[in-house]
């Protein structure tokens, strides 16, 4: 898989949470390529749960819309 392609180009609609110990340059690249959230290590369990909740909320269809449309 080419490294510079966006995840959405491959048909992925699953929200991606990336965990990284790398610097901001790598985190920025992950966001540019389609990651919804990038957590920098170390992080707390509370932070991870908040990120998961946020990702799930953002992936829900807007009211009145069905999934997949």
PDB file of N, CA and C in Angstrom:
ATOM      1  N   UNK A   1       0.844  -1.179   0.000  1.00  0.00           N
ATOM      2  CA  UNK A   1       0.000   0.000   0.000  1.00  0.00           C
ATOM      3  C   UNK A   1       0.884   1.236   0.000  1.00  0.00           C
ATOM      4  N   UNK A   2       0.652   2.152  -0.923  1.00  0.00           N
ATOM      5  CA  UNK A   2       1.440   3.389  -0.920  1.00  0.00           C
ATOM      6  C   UNK A   2       1.237   4.144   0.385  1.00  0.00           C
ATOM      7  N   UNK A   3       2.313   4.669   0.910  1.00  0.00           N
ATOM      8  CA  UNK A   3       2.260   5.297   2.224  1.00  0.00           C
ATOM      9  C   UNK A   3       1.599   6.661   2.227  1.00  0.00           C
ATOM     10  N   UNK A   4       1.512   7.331   1.110  1.00  0.00           N
ATOM     11  CA  UNK A   4       0.990   8.690   1.092  1.00  0.00           C
ATOM     12  C   UNK A   4      -0.469   8.786   0.667  1.00  0.00           C
ATOM     13  N   UNK A   5      -1.153   7.684   0.595  1.00  0.00           N
ATOM     14  CA  UNK A   5      -2.566   7.726   0.203  1.00  0.00           C
ATOM     15  C   UNK A   5      -3.440   7.846   1.437  1.00  0.00           C
ATOM     16  N   UNK A   6      -4.570   8.492   1.274  1.00  0.00           N
ATOM     17  CA  UNK A   6      -5.512   8.628   2.376  1.00  0.00           C
ATOM     18  C   UNK A   6      -6.251   7.313   2.574  1.00  0.00           C
ATOM     19  N   UNK A   7      -6.572   7.004   3.816  1.00  0.00           N
ATOM     20  CA  UNK A   7      -7.291   5.776   4.116  1.00  0.00           C
ATOM     21  C   UNK A   7      -8.625   5.718   3.388  1.00  0.00           C
ATOM     22  N   UNK A   8      -9.288   6.865   3.222  1.00  0.00           N
ATOM     23  CA  UNK A   8     -10.588   6.890   2.561  1.00  0.00           C
ATOM     24  C   UNK A   8     -10.504   6.460   1.100  1.00  0.00           C
ATOM     25  N   UNK A   9      -9.331   6.585   0.483  1.00  0.00           N
ATOM     26  CA  UNK A   9      -9.164   6.161  -0.905  1.00  0.00           C
ATOM     27  C   UNK A   9      -9.290   4.657  -1.049  1.00  0.00           C
ATOM     28  N   UNK A  10      -9.141   3.940   0.044  1.00  0.00           N
ATOM     29  CA  UNK A  10      -9.246   2.485   0.025  1.00  0.00           C
ATOM     30  C   UNK A  10     -10.628   2.025   0.462  1.00  0.00           C
ATOM     31  N   UNK A  11     -11.555   2.963   0.609  1.00  0.00           N
ATOM     32  CA  UNK A  11     -12.917   2.608   0.975  1.00  0.00           C
ATOM     33  C   UNK A  11     -13.141   2.466   2.467  1.00  0.00           C
ATOM     34  N   UNK A  12     -12.192   2.898   3.277  1.00  0.00           N
ATOM     35  CA  UNK A  12     -12.347   2.782   4.723  1.00  0.00           C
ATOM     36  C   UNK A  12     -13.199   3.928   5.251  1.00  0.00           C
ATOM     37  N   UNK A  13     -14.225   3.600   6.007  1.00  0.00           N
ATOM     38  CA  UNK A  13     -15.024   4.626   6.650  1.00  0.00           C
ATOM     39  C   UNK A  13     -15.004   4.454   8.163  1.00  0.00           C
ATOM     40  N   UNK A  14     -14.202   3.516   8.641  1.00  0.00           N
ATOM     41  CA  UNK A  14     -14.066   3.272  10.079  1.00  0.00           C
ATOM     42  C   UNK A  14     -13.201   4.381  10.663  1.00  0.00           C
ATOM     43  N   UNK A  15     -13.654   4.997  11.773  1.00  0.00           N
ATOM     44  CA  UNK A  15     -12.820   6.042  12.373  1.00  0.00           C
ATOM     45  C   UNK A  15     -11.520   5.434  12.920  1.00  0.00           C
ATOM     46  N   UNK A  16     -10.402   6.052  12.605  1.00  0.00           N
ATOM     47  CA  UNK A  16      -9.087   5.552  12.993  1.00  0.00           C
ATOM     48  C   UNK A  16      -8.545   6.377  14.153  1.00  0.00           C
ATOM     49  N   UNK A  17      -8.159   5.682  15.229  1.00  0.00           N
ATOM     50  CA  UNK A  17      -7.457   6.304  16.346  1.00  0.00           C
ATOM     51  C   UNK A  17      -6.042   5.766  16.302  1.00  0.00           C
ATOM     52  N   UNK A  18      -5.082   6.636  16.124  1.00  0.00           N
ATOM     53  CA  UNK A  18      -3.681   6.230  16.054  1.00  0.00           C
ATOM     54  C   UNK A  18      -2.990   6.564  17.367  1.00  0.00           C
ATOM     55  N   UNK A  19      -2.147   5.655  17.819  1.00  0.00           N
ATOM     56  CA  UNK A  19      -1.340   5.859  19.016  1.00  0.00           C
ATOM     57  C   UNK A  19       0.111   5.928  18.574  1.00  0.00           C
ATOM     58  N   UNK A  20       0.807   6.982  18.991  1.00  0.00           N
ATOM     59  CA  UNK A  20       2.168   7.178  18.517  1.00  0.00           C
ATOM     60  C   UNK A  20       3.066   7.767  19.587  1.00  0.00           C
ATOM     61  N   UNK A  21       4.301   7.330  19.583  1.00  0.00           N
ATOM     62  CA  UNK A  21       5.325   7.924  20.443  1.00  0.00           C
ATOM     63  C   UNK A  21       6.217   8.862  19.631  1.00  0.00           C
ATOM     64  N   UNK A  22       5.893   9.006  18.344  1.00  0.00           N
ATOM     65  CA  UNK A  22       6.699   9.841  17.466  1.00  0.00           C
ATOM     66  C   UNK A  22       6.378  11.318  17.638  1.00  0.00           C
ATOM     67  N   UNK A  23       7.126  12.146  16.958  1.00  0.00           N
ATOM     68  CA  UNK A  23       6.983  13.593  17.082  1.00  0.00           C
ATOM     69  C   UNK A  23       5.749  14.116  16.343  1.00  0.00           C
ATOM     70  N   UNK A  24       5.522  15.420  16.469  1.00  0.00           N
ATOM     71  CA  UNK A  24       4.346  16.047  15.868  1.00  0.00           C
ATOM     72  C   UNK A  24       4.306  15.907  14.353  1.00  0.00           C
ATOM     73  N   UNK A  25       5.445  15.830  13.694  1.00  0.00           N
ATOM     74  CA  UNK A  25       5.475  15.691  12.236  1.00  0.00           C
ATOM     75  C   UNK A  25       4.780  14.394  11.818  1.00  0.00           C
ATOM     76  N   UNK A  26       5.062  13.317  12.531  1.00  0.00           N
ATOM     77  CA  UNK A  26       4.445  12.024  12.212  1.00  0.00           C
ATOM     78  C   UNK A  26       2.962  12.048  12.555  1.00  0.00           C
ATOM     79  N   UNK A  27       2.611  12.655  13.669  1.00  0.00           N
ATOM     80  CA  UNK A  27       1.203  12.755  14.063  1.00  0.00           C
ATOM     81  C   UNK A  27       0.418  13.586  13.044  1.00  0.00           C
ATOM     82  N   UNK A  28       1.007  14.674  12.577  1.00  0.00           N
ATOM     83  CA  UNK A  28       0.355  15.510  11.574  1.00  0.00           C
ATOM     84  C   UNK A  28       0.126  14.718  10.294  1.00  0.00           C
ATOM     85  N   UNK A  29       1.107  13.950   9.874  1.00  0.00           N
ATOM     86  CA  UNK A  29       0.987  13.135   8.660  1.00  0.00           C
ATOM     87  C   UNK A  29      -0.148  12.127   8.815  1.00  0.00           C
ATOM     88  N   UNK A  30      -0.270  11.528   9.999  1.00  0.00           N
ATOM     89  CA  UNK A  30      -1.351  10.567  10.239  1.00  0.00           C
ATOM     90  C   UNK A  30      -2.715  11.234  10.093  1.00  0.00           C
ATOM     91  N   UNK A  31      -2.859  12.432  10.616  1.00  0.00           N
ATOM     92  CA  UNK A  31      -4.113  13.168  10.488  1.00  0.00           C
ATOM     93  C   UNK A  31      -4.396  13.515   9.028  1.00  0.00           C
ATOM     94  N   UNK A  32      -3.359  13.915   8.307  1.00  0.00           N
ATOM     95  CA  UNK A  32      -3.522  14.246   6.882  1.00  0.00           C
ATOM     96  C   UNK A  32      -3.944  13.038   6.066  1.00  0.00           C
ATOM     97  N   UNK A  33      -3.546  11.852   6.501  1.00  0.00           N
ATOM     98  CA  UNK A  33      -3.860  10.636   5.754  1.00  0.00           C
ATOM     99  C   UNK A  33      -5.168   9.992   6.199  1.00  0.00           C
ATOM    100  N   UNK A  34      -5.860  10.624   7.142  1.00  0.00           N
ATOM    101  CA  UNK A  34      -7.195  10.138   7.457  1.00  0.00           C
ATOM    102  C   UNK A  34      -7.441   9.667   8.869  1.00  0.00           C
ATOM    103  N   UNK A  35      -6.437   9.662   9.719  1.00  0.00           N
ATOM    104  CA  UNK A  35      -6.691   9.298  11.110  1.00  0.00           C
ATOM    105  C   UNK A  35      -7.594  10.365  11.723  1.00  0.00           C
ATOM    106  N   UNK A  36      -8.569   9.941  12.482  1.00  0.00           N
ATOM    107  CA  UNK A  36      -9.487  10.884  13.111  1.00  0.00           C
ATOM    108  C   UNK A  36      -8.851  11.503  14.351  1.00  0.00           C
ATOM    109  N   UNK A  37      -8.162  10.675  15.128  1.00  0.00           N
ATOM    110  CA  UNK A  37      -7.547  11.101  16.386  1.00  0.00           C
ATOM    111  C   UNK A  37      -6.154  10.484  16.465  1.00  0.00           C
ATOM    112  N   UNK A  38      -5.194  11.256  16.940  1.00  0.00           N
ATOM    113  CA  UNK A  38      -3.848  10.736  17.181  1.00  0.00           C
ATOM    114  C   UNK A  38      -3.500  11.025  18.628  1.00  0.00           C
ATOM    115  N   UNK A  39      -3.264   9.968  19.388  1.00  0.00           N
ATOM    116  CA  UNK A  39      -2.877  10.101  20.783  1.00  0.00           C
ATOM    117  C   UNK A  39      -1.372   9.945  20.900  1.00  0.00           C
ATOM    118  N   UNK A  40      -0.747  10.846  21.638  1.00  0.00           N
ATOM    119  CA  UNK A  40       0.679  10.742  21.893  1.00  0.00           C
ATOM    120  C   UNK A  40       0.931   9.978  23.184  1.00  0.00           C
ATOM    121  N   UNK A  41       1.861   9.051  23.136  1.00  0.00           N
ATOM    122  CA  UNK A  41       2.212   8.286  24.332  1.00  0.00           C
ATOM    123  C   UNK A  41       3.030   9.156  25.265  1.00  0.00           C
ATOM    124  N   UNK A  42       2.921   9.006  26.542  1.00  0.00           N
ATOM    125  CA  UNK A  42       1.931   8.180  27.253  1.00  0.00           C
ATOM    126  C   UNK A  42       0.603   8.914  27.355  1.00  0.00           C
ATOM    127  N   UNK A  43      -0.461   8.157  27.552  1.00  0.00           N
ATOM    128  CA  UNK A  43      -1.787   8.728  27.744  1.00  0.00           C
ATOM    129  C   UNK A  43      -2.513   7.866  28.766  1.00  0.00           C
ATOM    130  N   UNK A  44      -3.526   8.446  29.376  1.00  0.00           N
ATOM    131  CA  UNK A  44      -4.272   7.724  30.411  1.00  0.00           C
ATOM    132  C   UNK A  44      -5.400   6.913  29.787  1.00  0.00           C
ATOM    133  N   UNK A  45      -5.912   5.998  30.566  1.00  0.00           N
ATOM    134  CA  UNK A  45      -7.065   5.220  30.134  1.00  0.00           C
ATOM    135  C   UNK A  45      -8.272   6.108  29.887  1.00  0.00           C
ATOM    136  N   UNK A  46      -8.407   7.155  30.711  1.00  0.00           N
ATOM    137  CA  UNK A  46      -9.510   8.098  30.539  1.00  0.00           C
ATOM    138  C   UNK A  46      -9.407   8.818  29.192  1.00  0.00           C
ATOM    139  N   UNK A  47      -8.199   9.178  28.804  1.00  0.00           N
ATOM    140  CA  UNK A  47      -7.985   9.849  27.517  1.00  0.00           C
ATOM    141  C   UNK A  47      -8.340   8.917  26.368  1.00  0.00           C
ATOM    142  N   UNK A  48      -7.945   7.661  26.465  1.00  0.00           N
ATOM    143  CA  UNK A  48      -8.271   6.688  25.423  1.00  0.00           C
ATOM    144  C   UNK A  48      -9.779   6.500  25.314  1.00  0.00           C
ATOM    145  N   UNK A  49     -10.461   6.360  26.443  1.00  0.00           N
ATOM    146  CA  UNK A  49     -11.914   6.194  26.417  1.00  0.00           C
ATOM    147  C   UNK A  49     -12.607   7.416  25.814  1.00  0.00           C
ATOM    148  N   UNK A  50     -12.124   8.611  26.149  1.00  0.00           N
ATOM    149  CA  UNK A  50     -12.698   9.831  25.571  1.00  0.00           C
ATOM    150  C   UNK A  50     -12.494   9.860  24.059  1.00  0.00           C
ATOM    151  N   UNK A  51     -11.320   9.431  23.602  1.00  0.00           N
ATOM    152  CA  UNK A  51     -11.047   9.391  22.163  1.00  0.00           C
ATOM    153  C   UNK A  51     -11.962   8.395  21.468  1.00  0.00           C
ATOM    154  N   UNK A  52     -12.177   7.241  22.077  1.00  0.00           N
ATOM    155  CA  UNK A  52     -13.059   6.223  21.496  1.00  0.00           C
ATOM    156  C   UNK A  52     -14.483   6.748  21.413  1.00  0.00           C
ATOM    157  N   UNK A  53     -14.962   7.373  22.492  1.00  0.00           N
ATOM    158  CA  UNK A  53     -16.317   7.941  22.476  1.00  0.00           C
ATOM    159  C   UNK A  53     -16.451   8.992  21.370  1.00  0.00           C
ATOM    160  N   UNK A  54     -15.465   9.848  21.268  1.00  0.00           N
ATOM    161  CA  UNK A  54     -15.499  10.896  20.247  1.00  0.00           C
ATOM    162  C   UNK A  54     -15.520  10.297  18.846  1.00  0.00           C
ATOM    163  N   UNK A  55     -14.702   9.276  18.624  1.00  0.00           N
ATOM    164  CA  UNK A  55     -14.652   8.638  17.308  1.00  0.00           C
ATOM    165  C   UNK A  55     -15.981   7.971  16.975  1.00  0.00           C
ATOM    166  N   UNK A  56     -16.582   7.321  17.958  1.00  0.00           N
ATOM    167  CA  UNK A  56     -17.866   6.668  17.715  1.00  0.00           C
ATOM    168  C   UNK A  56     -18.954   7.694  17.423  1.00  0.00           C
ATOM    169  N   UNK A  57     -18.953   8.795  18.160  1.00  0.00           N
ATOM    170  CA  UNK A  57     -19.949   9.844  17.922  1.00  0.00           C
ATOM    171  C   UNK A  57     -19.785  10.458  16.532  1.00  0.00           C
ATOM    172  N   UNK A  58     -18.555  10.659  16.116  1.00  0.00           N
ATOM    173  CA  UNK A  58     -18.334  11.281  14.809  1.00  0.00           C
ATOM    174  C   UNK A  58     -18.667  10.333  13.663  1.00  0.00           C
ATOM    175  N   UNK A  59     -18.687   9.029  13.932  1.00  0.00           N
ATOM    176  CA  UNK A  59     -18.984   8.067  12.861  1.00  0.00           C
ATOM    177  C   UNK A  59     -20.469   7.754  12.752  1.00  0.00           C
ATOM    178  N   UNK A  60     -21.267   8.249  13.718  1.00  0.00           N
ATOM    179  CA  UNK A  60     -22.710   8.026  13.652  1.00  0.00           C
ATOM    180  C   UNK A  60     -23.297   8.897  12.549  1.00  0.00           C
ATOM    181  N   UNK A  61     -24.262   8.360  11.818  1.00  0.00           N
ATOM    182  CA  UNK A  61     -24.898   9.186  10.790  1.00  0.00           C
ATOM    183  C   UNK A  61     -25.702  10.306  11.449  1.00  0.00           C
ATOM    184  N   UNK A  62     -25.812  11.420  10.726  1.00  0.00           N
ATOM    185  CA  UNK A  62     -26.610  12.529  11.241  1.00  0.00           C
ATOM    186  C   UNK A  62     -28.064  12.085  11.305  1.00  0.00           C
ATOM    187  N   UNK A  63     -28.817  12.688  12.185  1.00  0.00           N
ATOM    188  CA  UNK A  63     -30.217  12.306  12.344  1.00  0.00           C
ATOM    189  C   UNK A  63     -30.941  12.417  11.003  1.00  0.00           C
ATOM    190  N   UNK A  64     -31.740  11.407  10.717  1.00  0.00           N
ATOM    191  CA  UNK A  64     -32.474  11.405   9.470  1.00  0.00           C
ATOM    192  C   UNK A  64     -31.744  10.729   8.335  1.00  0.00           C
ATOM    193  N   UNK A  65     -30.485  10.348   8.556  1.00  0.00           N
ATOM    194  CA  UNK A  65     -29.713   9.657   7.522  1.00  0.00           C
ATOM    195  C   UNK A  65     -29.465   8.234   7.968  1.00  0.00           C
ATOM    196  N   UNK A  66     -29.438   7.339   7.002  1.00  0.00           N
ATOM    197  CA  UNK A  66     -29.108   5.957   7.286  1.00  0.00           C
ATOM    198  C   UNK A  66     -27.633   5.752   7.087  1.00  0.00           C
ATOM    199  N   UNK A  67     -27.072   4.743   7.783  1.00  0.00           N
ATOM    200  CA  UNK A  67     -25.663   4.431   7.581  1.00  0.00           C
ATOM    201  C   UNK A  67     -25.447   3.973   6.153  1.00  0.00           C
ATOM    202  N   UNK A  68     -24.287   4.362   5.620  1.00  0.00           N
ATOM    203  CA  UNK A  68     -23.943   3.937   4.279  1.00  0.00           C
ATOM    204  C   UNK A  68     -24.447   4.863   3.191  1.00  0.00           C
ATOM    205  N   UNK A  69     -25.102   5.957   3.578  1.00  0.00           N
ATOM    206  CA  UNK A  69     -25.584   6.886   2.545  1.00  0.00           C
ATOM    207  C   UNK A  69     -24.890   8.213   2.660  1.00  0.00           C
TER     208      UNK A  69
END
